[in-house]
Every structure is written in structure tokens, then in C-alpha cells.
Amino acid sequence: MGRNCTYKGRKQAPSTRVRAIALLIYIICIPAFFNCCSSAEYGPEETDRYSVFLHPIYASGGSTEDEAESGIRHTDIFIFNNDALRRLDSYQRIEGSGPVKAASRKGDKIMVIIANSSYSKKDWRHINSFEGLYEETALLEQESTGYHIMTSVLEISSVDRHIYRADMERLSSGIRINSIRTDFSGREYDGEPLTDVKVYLTNVNASCMLLRHEGFRPELIVNPGFLDMSAVSGFKDTGIIYREIDEDIGEDAIYPDIILFCYPNDAGEETAGSPFTRLVIEGRIRGETYWYPITINRGDFGIASGGDGRGIGRNMMYSYDITIRRTGTKDPDIPVSLEDVTISCPVEPWEDIDSGTVSF
């Protein structure tokens, strides 16, 4: 016959084994909560759901190769409480650009949307606050032409509408060579072509905070005053900062429509640790190699050439029509002047492209 036993007196402390099991459960539950947030498995009485239209913003007058546009491979969605602590409420990874369902707990929120990040879901596990995410950076070497990193930040309210538009802004900016020609009139090499032509960026800002919008100084520099092919070869897509033009350049303009990309660099003045980013055209005239470094949107090639003179901003397009008038410099880090090269460089306006929908 069974016995019912009652114990009286002081409660015994949990055994070492019990404490170990409790700790193990706690550790397991941390990633489980992260995944649970991803799946939005809240009760119907405590959730808010949203529909967000992802609205990429690109340059007008796009490229024939569609390099100016950016598709979406995947999107990371972070929702934070909009209070003093701004802690993470939920997270979700969305593959592709189709609609998905997700939710957050009720209350005012901050939604951060990051498209095409090189991070995996596991890489985001340490994020538990908006401030933590704000410190995260992207690397240019992980970018891909056609699938650029884009971000958007929204403030959403539980008592407000549940349909939002997210303007997805590319972190990088484009440097387009729309046309290029020579005009060596009156010089001894009149009629000679520019051959073996390469175009690339130097003093490239190759690391950038994901959510920053201004105040960009180079944090990691690639091609520091010269073409460093060992660094370029480490890029996921070398065409981001280096291209070759297959044909010789002469008096008849060619239209390569090449677009290179870099992260913003709007430092107020040039220093050894914060050099201005340059577009470099390298080529040969009568067997001699010359460089034509153009400081992007600065000095002679800023306001005087149609730009705003403030360097490279975020999510911009700087489009060049270039006429080379004489031999260039013998150093890829010595900028040319307007006597060497004539350019037109408007900062192109941006227009909205068809949006995709992500439902929450």
C-alpha cells in the first residue's frame, strides 16, 4: 500500500543537479525566445500586426545593365520597444521579397528593416536593443552589384494605422561613367588613343555603420592612394570598385555606363587619415601609363562641375561625362585639374521604384 509523506521544517536548498538543469533550461530558452519572436507566436490579445510596403529608392535614368537598381534577396526585420530602453521585441528573417506574417507585442515600436545584409540569423543573436543595432557596420567587400544593402527605420504606434511605407535607402552610392572621350587637339599626340583603360576608386570607405545618414569618415580604407589588387581580389564582387574598358578611347565618345560603388565619405577636409575618395582612370598614351584621379564631388569637380561639393553622401548617384584633354599625372593619388579633364557631374535626383510588400 502506498504512503503519503509530509515533510515539515526548513526547506532544503536545490541540489547541484537541479541547479544545473535549471541553468541549462535558461540557456536553451534564450535562443528559443529569439526564434519565438521570429515566428511571432503571441496570443491574439497581445499582438499587433503590420503591413509594410518596401519602397526602394534608386537613381533616375537607370543603367542599361540595371546596376543602379537593387533587388532583395532577404530582409531582416527588427522591432524594438519605443521607450527609454528600446529593447528588442521581435526579429524575423525574410527570404526573397514575397509577403510574410509576423507580429510584435502591443505598444509603440521602432521598426528597423535591413535588406541584403551579409549577416546570417545567428550573427544577429547578440542584438537586444536599438542602440546595439545602431553600432553594427557593413563591409563593402560583402556587397553585390544588383543586391546592395538597404535600410529603413520606422516609428510605429499601436493606436495608429497598421499599413506603412518603408523607404529603403542604399548604404552605398554609385559613381557612374556615362561617357568618355579624348580631345588632344593641338598637342603632339593629337589623334592618339588612350589604351589599356582601367577605372577604379581609391581612398575607398569600405566600412560603414548601417543606420547612419551623415557624418561619414573613412573607417576602413581600400585602395589607399593606389590600386591594391590584393585587396580588390578579396571582394565578393570586384566590379564594385574596379572595372576595365575593353576598347580604346578616342575622339568619338564611348558609353560604357560603368557604375562603381563605395560607402559615403563626406569629411569636411582631407587629412592623412581621412582622404577624399577618387575616381581614377588609368590608361596608356604611346606606351606611357598615365593616371587621371578625379576627386569625387569636391573642388574643381564639385560645384563647378555640377555637383554640390560635399563629397559622397549616402544613396546618391554621381554621373560623369568625361573629356580627357592631355596626359595625366604619374601618380594615381595626385588629382588632375580642369585643364587635364573636363567633366559634367550632376548629382542625379532619385525616384521611387515599384515597391514590394511585407506583411506583419
Protein backbone atom coordinates (compact mmCIF):
# COMPACT_ATOMS: atom_id res chain seq x y z
CA MET A 1 0.00 0.00 0.00
CA GLY A 2 1.38 3.42 -0.92
CA ARG A 3 2.21 6.02 1.69
CA ASN A 4 1.57 9.76 1.70
CA CYS A 5 4.54 11.54 3.23
CA THR A 6 4.56 15.10 4.53
CA TYR A 7 7.82 16.88 5.26
CA LYS A 8 7.91 19.72 7.74
CA GLY A 9 10.58 22.12 8.81
CA ARG A 10 13.15 24.09 6.79
CA LYS A 11 13.11 23.90 3.01
CA GLN A 12 16.17 22.27 1.57
CA ALA A 13 18.29 24.16 -0.98
CA PRO A 14 18.10 22.81 -4.54
CA SER A 15 20.69 20.18 -5.27
CA THR A 16 23.64 20.90 -7.57
CA ARG A 17 21.99 18.70 -10.17
CA VAL A 18 18.71 20.65 -10.01
CA ARG A 19 20.56 23.97 -10.30
CA ALA A 20 22.48 22.66 -13.32
CA ILE A 21 19.26 21.57 -15.02
CA ALA A 22 17.66 24.95 -14.34
CA LEU A 23 20.68 26.76 -15.78
CA LEU A 24 20.60 24.55 -18.86
CA ILE A 25 16.91 25.30 -19.40
CA TYR A 26 17.61 29.03 -19.06
CA ILE A 27 20.43 28.93 -21.60
CA ILE A 28 18.31 26.95 -24.05
CA CYS A 29 15.43 29.40 -23.64
CA ILE A 30 17.47 32.45 -24.70
CA PRO A 31 17.76 31.45 -28.39
CA ALA A 32 14.31 29.91 -28.18
CA PHE A 33 12.91 33.35 -27.31
CA PHE A 34 14.77 34.87 -30.25
CA ASN A 35 13.25 32.29 -32.58
CA CYS A 36 9.86 32.60 -30.93
CA CYS A 37 9.93 36.31 -31.62
CA SER A 38 10.77 35.49 -35.21
CA SER A 39 7.70 33.33 -35.52
CA ALA A 40 5.51 35.88 -33.73
CA GLU A 41 3.86 33.20 -31.57
CA TYR A 42 2.00 35.57 -29.27
CA GLY A 43 -1.59 35.31 -28.16
CA PRO A 44 -4.08 37.27 -30.31
CA GLU A 45 -4.92 39.59 -27.43
CA GLU A 46 -1.31 40.77 -27.01
CA THR A 47 -0.12 41.23 -30.57
CA ASP A 48 -0.04 43.93 -33.21
CA ARG A 49 0.34 43.06 -36.89
CA TYR A 50 1.51 45.36 -39.65
CA SER A 51 1.78 45.60 -43.42
CA VAL A 52 4.88 47.36 -44.68
CA PHE A 53 5.50 48.34 -48.31
CA LEU A 54 9.22 48.16 -49.03
CA HIS A 55 9.90 51.10 -51.32
CA PRO A 56 13.44 51.07 -52.75
CA ILE A 57 14.70 54.47 -53.91
CA TYR A 58 17.07 54.47 -56.89
CA ALA A 59 18.68 56.91 -59.29
CA SER A 60 16.61 58.16 -62.17
CA GLY A 61 17.78 57.36 -65.67
CA GLY A 62 18.95 53.90 -64.66
CA SER A 63 21.77 51.85 -66.14
CA THR A 64 21.37 49.65 -69.17
CA GLU A 65 22.77 46.86 -67.01
CA ASP A 66 20.34 47.71 -64.17
CA GLU A 67 23.33 48.20 -61.90
CA ALA A 68 21.74 51.27 -60.35
CA GLU A 69 18.85 49.18 -59.06
CA SER A 70 18.93 46.70 -56.24
CA GLY A 71 16.86 43.58 -55.77
CA ILE A 72 16.10 41.97 -52.44
CA ARG A 73 17.44 38.53 -51.57
CA HIS A 74 16.47 38.63 -47.92
CA THR A 75 15.33 41.10 -45.30
CA ASP A 76 15.97 41.30 -41.56
CA ILE A 77 13.18 42.92 -39.54
CA PHE A 78 13.84 44.18 -36.01
CA ILE A 79 11.09 45.62 -33.82
CA PHE A 80 12.10 47.47 -30.66
CA ASN A 81 10.04 48.98 -27.87
CA ASN A 82 9.86 52.73 -28.35
CA ASP A 83 10.67 53.68 -24.77
CA ALA A 84 13.73 54.73 -22.79
CA LEU A 85 15.44 51.31 -23.04
CA ARG A 86 14.40 50.47 -26.63
CA ARG A 87 14.81 46.74 -26.08
CA LEU A 88 14.26 44.16 -28.81
CA ASP A 89 10.68 42.95 -29.04
CA SER A 90 10.89 40.69 -32.10
CA TYR A 91 13.07 39.73 -35.04
CA GLN A 92 12.43 37.97 -38.33
CA ARG A 93 14.47 36.95 -41.39
CA ILE A 94 12.51 37.04 -44.65
CA GLU A 95 13.86 35.18 -47.67
CA GLY A 96 13.05 36.67 -51.05
CA SER A 97 10.65 39.56 -51.47
CA GLY A 98 7.26 37.87 -51.06
CA PRO A 99 4.76 38.68 -48.29
CA VAL A 100 5.29 37.18 -44.82
CA LYS A 101 3.47 37.27 -41.49
CA ALA A 102 4.95 38.49 -38.26
CA ALA A 103 3.94 40.40 -35.17
CA SER A 104 5.12 42.30 -32.14
CA ARG A 105 3.75 42.79 -28.67
CA LYS A 106 1.38 45.73 -28.34
CA GLY A 107 2.75 49.20 -27.77
CA ASP A 108 4.70 51.89 -29.57
CA LYS A 109 7.60 50.41 -31.55
CA ILE A 110 10.62 51.22 -33.70
CA MET A 111 10.92 49.01 -36.77
CA VAL A 112 14.29 48.60 -38.48
CA ILE A 113 14.42 46.90 -41.88
CA ILE A 114 17.75 45.77 -43.35
CA ALA A 115 17.85 44.22 -46.83
CA ASN A 116 20.67 42.09 -48.27
CA SER A 117 22.91 42.10 -45.21
CA SER A 118 25.80 39.61 -45.22
CA TYR A 119 24.82 38.61 -41.66
CA SER A 120 23.11 35.29 -41.00
CA LYS A 121 20.30 34.92 -38.46
CA LYS A 122 22.83 33.57 -36.00
CA ASP A 123 25.01 36.66 -36.46
CA TRP A 124 22.18 38.85 -35.18
CA ARG A 125 21.61 36.92 -31.94
CA HIS A 126 23.58 39.37 -29.82
CA ILE A 127 21.29 42.28 -30.74
CA ASN A 128 18.97 43.11 -27.84
CA SER A 129 18.45 46.87 -28.21
CA PHE A 130 18.16 49.58 -30.83
CA GLU A 131 21.43 51.10 -29.62
CA GLY A 132 23.16 47.77 -30.16
CA LEU A 133 21.91 47.56 -33.73
CA TYR A 134 22.88 51.17 -34.39
CA GLU A 135 26.53 50.27 -33.74
CA GLU A 136 26.56 47.50 -36.36
CA THR A 137 28.61 48.04 -39.52
CA ALA A 138 28.63 46.74 -43.07
CA LEU A 139 31.66 45.87 -45.20
CA LEU A 140 31.84 46.95 -48.84
CA GLU A 141 33.67 43.75 -49.76
CA GLN A 142 30.48 41.81 -48.94
CA GLU A 143 28.25 43.90 -51.23
CA SER A 144 26.95 42.57 -54.55
CA THR A 145 26.04 44.56 -57.64
CA GLY A 146 22.27 44.39 -58.01
CA TYR A 147 21.69 43.37 -54.36
CA HIS A 148 23.01 46.28 -52.32
CA ILE A 149 22.50 46.66 -48.59
CA MET A 150 19.49 48.89 -47.91
CA THR A 151 17.92 50.05 -44.64
CA SER A 152 14.88 51.86 -43.31
CA VAL A 153 13.76 52.93 -39.82
CA LEU A 154 10.10 53.49 -38.94
CA GLU A 155 8.29 54.56 -35.80
CA ILE A 156 5.01 52.68 -35.44
CA SER A 157 2.17 53.08 -32.97
CA SER A 158 -0.26 50.51 -31.63
CA VAL A 159 -3.07 53.06 -31.90
CA ASP A 160 -2.05 54.23 -35.36
CA ARG A 161 -2.57 52.64 -38.75
CA HIS A 162 -1.11 49.19 -39.45
CA ILE A 163 -0.02 49.84 -43.04
CA TYR A 164 3.32 51.59 -43.50
CA ARG A 165 5.69 52.56 -46.29
CA ALA A 166 9.41 51.95 -45.73
CA ASP A 167 11.73 53.98 -47.96
CA MET A 168 14.64 51.58 -48.42
CA GLU A 169 17.84 53.57 -48.89
CA ARG A 170 21.01 52.02 -50.18
CA LEU A 171 24.00 52.40 -47.86
CA SER A 172 26.38 52.80 -50.80
CA SER A 173 26.48 55.43 -53.53
CA GLY A 174 27.12 54.95 -57.23
CA ILE A 175 29.86 56.55 -59.35
CA ARG A 176 28.79 56.25 -62.98
CA ILE A 177 30.90 56.82 -66.09
CA ASN A 178 28.21 57.67 -68.57
CA SER A 179 30.53 58.68 -71.43
CA ILE A 180 34.25 59.19 -72.01
CA ARG A 181 36.31 60.59 -74.92
CA THR A 182 39.61 62.32 -75.67
CA ASP A 183 40.34 65.71 -77.21
CA PHE A 184 44.09 66.13 -77.74
CA SER A 185 43.68 68.96 -80.27
CA GLY A 186 46.87 70.97 -80.80
CA ARG A 187 49.09 68.55 -78.88
CA GLU A 188 51.87 66.39 -80.29
CA TYR A 189 49.87 63.27 -79.53
CA ASP A 190 46.75 64.60 -81.28
CA GLY A 191 44.77 61.63 -82.61
CA GLU A 192 46.42 59.07 -80.33
CA PRO A 193 44.01 56.82 -78.41
CA LEU A 194 44.01 56.08 -74.71
CA THR A 195 44.58 52.32 -74.47
CA ASP A 196 44.51 49.57 -71.82
CA VAL A 197 42.00 51.58 -69.83
CA LYS A 198 41.09 50.71 -66.25
CA VAL A 199 38.70 52.60 -63.98
CA TYR A 200 38.61 52.21 -60.22
CA LEU A 201 38.10 54.01 -56.94
CA THR A 202 40.85 54.94 -54.49
CA ASN A 203 40.68 56.01 -50.84
CA VAL A 204 37.50 53.97 -50.63
CA ASN A 205 35.49 54.00 -47.43
CA ALA A 206 34.90 50.25 -47.13
CA SER A 207 33.18 50.04 -43.73
CA CYS A 208 30.10 51.94 -42.63
CA MET A 209 27.52 51.98 -39.84
CA LEU A 210 24.28 50.52 -41.17
CA LEU A 211 21.89 53.15 -39.87
CA ARG A 212 23.96 56.33 -40.16
CA HIS A 213 22.84 59.04 -42.58
CA GLU A 214 25.52 61.74 -42.30
CA GLY A 215 28.93 62.44 -40.80
CA PHE A 216 30.81 59.73 -42.69
CA ARG A 217 34.57 59.49 -42.35
CA PRO A 218 36.54 56.56 -43.77
CA GLU A 219 36.68 53.81 -41.14
CA LEU A 220 38.39 51.18 -43.30
CA ILE A 221 40.25 52.35 -46.42
CA VAL A 222 40.71 50.18 -49.51
CA ASN A 223 43.00 51.29 -52.36
CA PRO A 224 44.79 53.91 -50.23
CA GLY A 225 46.03 56.20 -52.99
CA PHE A 226 46.70 53.37 -55.44
CA LEU A 227 45.11 50.25 -56.91
CA ASP A 228 45.66 47.38 -54.48
CA MET A 229 44.60 44.29 -56.44
CA SER A 230 45.29 42.01 -53.47
CA ALA A 231 42.58 43.87 -51.55
CA VAL A 232 40.25 44.13 -54.54
CA SER A 233 40.51 40.38 -55.17
CA GLY A 234 39.08 39.80 -51.69
CA PHE A 235 35.80 41.45 -52.67
CA LYS A 236 32.76 39.27 -53.21
CA ASP A 237 32.14 41.34 -56.36
CA THR A 238 35.32 43.02 -57.66
CA GLY A 239 33.22 45.07 -60.10
CA ILE A 240 32.08 47.14 -57.14
CA ILE A 241 35.28 49.24 -57.23
CA TYR A 242 37.29 48.07 -60.29
CA ARG A 243 36.44 47.69 -63.98
CA GLU A 244 38.23 47.56 -67.32
CA ILE A 245 37.16 49.18 -70.59
CA ASP A 246 37.70 46.74 -73.44
CA GLU A 247 38.01 49.29 -76.24
CA ASP A 248 40.43 52.15 -76.87
CA ILE A 249 39.20 55.66 -76.11
CA GLY A 250 39.44 58.25 -78.87
CA GLU A 251 37.73 61.40 -80.06
CA ASP A 252 34.41 59.64 -80.55
CA ALA A 253 32.74 59.21 -77.19
CA ILE A 254 32.03 55.73 -75.93
CA TYR A 255 29.28 54.97 -73.44
CA PRO A 256 30.47 52.23 -71.07
CA ASP A 257 27.80 53.08 -68.49
CA ILE A 258 30.05 51.68 -65.79
CA ILE A 259 28.90 52.12 -62.20
CA LEU A 260 31.29 51.69 -59.29
CA PHE A 261 30.13 51.75 -55.68
CA CYS A 262 31.53 52.94 -52.37
CA TYR A 263 30.32 53.89 -48.92
CA PRO A 264 29.83 57.59 -48.10
CA ASN A 265 32.74 59.93 -47.39
CA ASP A 266 31.62 63.47 -46.55
CA ALA A 267 34.53 64.50 -44.30
CA GLY A 268 34.86 68.29 -44.20
CA GLU A 269 38.57 68.37 -45.00
CA GLU A 270 41.15 65.97 -46.36
CA THR A 271 43.73 64.59 -43.94
CA ALA A 272 46.18 61.68 -43.99
CA GLY A 273 43.72 59.57 -42.00
CA SER A 274 40.65 60.81 -43.86
CA PRO A 275 41.49 61.13 -47.58
CA PHE A 276 38.88 62.07 -50.16
CA THR A 277 37.58 59.28 -52.39
CA ARG A 278 38.68 59.48 -56.04
CA LEU A 279 37.62 58.03 -59.36
CA VAL A 280 40.78 57.04 -61.23
CA ILE A 281 41.05 56.49 -64.97
CA GLU A 282 44.28 54.68 -65.85
CA GLY A 283 45.46 54.30 -69.43
CA ARG A 284 48.38 54.44 -71.83
CA ILE A 285 49.30 57.02 -74.48
CA ARG A 286 52.08 55.92 -76.84
CA GLY A 287 53.01 53.20 -74.38
CA GLU A 288 53.31 55.52 -71.37
CA THR A 289 50.98 54.98 -68.41
CA TYR A 290 49.05 57.97 -67.07
CA TRP A 291 46.53 58.39 -64.28
CA TYR A 292 43.55 60.73 -64.14
CA PRO A 293 42.40 60.85 -60.48
CA ILE A 294 39.16 62.81 -60.12
CA THR A 295 38.23 63.81 -56.57
CA ILE A 296 34.53 62.94 -56.38
CA ASN A 297 32.23 65.91 -55.82
CA ARG A 298 34.97 68.15 -54.41
CA GLY A 299 36.84 71.27 -55.54
CA ASP A 300 37.00 71.68 -59.33
CA PHE A 301 34.93 68.54 -59.70
CA GLY A 302 32.27 69.58 -57.20
CA ILE A 303 30.05 72.63 -57.59
CA ALA A 304 31.92 73.89 -60.68
CA SER A 305 31.15 70.63 -62.47
CA GLY A 306 27.50 70.34 -61.45
CA GLY A 307 27.78 68.65 -58.04
CA ASP A 308 27.09 70.04 -54.58
CA GLY A 309 30.73 69.95 -53.42
CA ARG A 310 30.06 67.97 -50.24
CA GLY A 311 31.77 64.73 -51.11
CA ILE A 312 29.99 61.40 -51.23
CA GLY A 313 26.66 61.11 -49.46
CA ARG A 314 24.55 58.06 -48.81
CA ASN A 315 22.31 56.59 -51.51
CA MET A 316 23.44 59.05 -54.19
CA MET A 317 24.48 58.76 -57.84
CA TYR A 318 27.34 60.81 -59.31
CA SER A 319 27.23 60.56 -63.10
CA TYR A 320 30.25 61.62 -65.20
CA ASP A 321 30.63 62.65 -68.82
CA ILE A 322 34.41 62.88 -69.22
CA THR A 323 36.64 64.52 -71.84
CA ILE A 324 40.40 63.86 -71.43
CA ARG A 325 42.40 66.77 -72.86
CA ARG A 326 46.06 65.91 -72.20
CA THR A 327 48.36 63.45 -70.49
CA GLY A 328 47.51 62.83 -66.87
CA THR A 329 49.65 62.55 -63.75
CA LYS A 330 52.35 59.99 -63.00
CA ASP A 331 50.89 59.31 -59.55
CA PRO A 332 47.41 57.79 -59.02
CA ASP A 333 46.90 59.90 -55.88
CA ILE A 334 47.65 63.33 -57.39
CA PRO A 335 44.32 64.76 -58.60
CA VAL A 336 44.03 66.15 -62.10
CA SER A 337 42.73 69.66 -62.79
CA LEU A 338 40.14 71.06 -65.16
CA GLU A 339 42.97 71.70 -67.63
CA ASP A 340 43.56 67.95 -67.83
CA VAL A 341 39.99 66.70 -67.77
CA THR A 342 36.65 68.34 -68.44
CA ILE A 343 33.65 66.72 -66.81
CA SER A 344 29.99 67.20 -66.21
CA CYS A 345 28.94 65.63 -62.93
CA PRO A 346 25.36 66.20 -61.87
CA VAL A 347 24.19 64.64 -58.64
CA GLU A 348 21.22 62.78 -60.05
CA PRO A 349 17.81 63.05 -58.39
CA TRP A 350 16.22 59.90 -57.02
CA GLU A 351 12.86 58.44 -57.82
CA ASP A 352 10.68 55.75 -56.32
CA ILE A 353 10.62 52.29 -57.88
CA ASP A 354 7.81 49.77 -57.64
CA SER A 355 7.51 48.59 -54.08
CA GLY A 356 7.38 45.11 -52.63
CA THR A 357 5.07 44.24 -49.77
CA VAL A 358 6.00 42.65 -46.47
CA SER A 359 3.00 41.94 -44.24
CA PHE A 360 3.23 41.78 -40.47
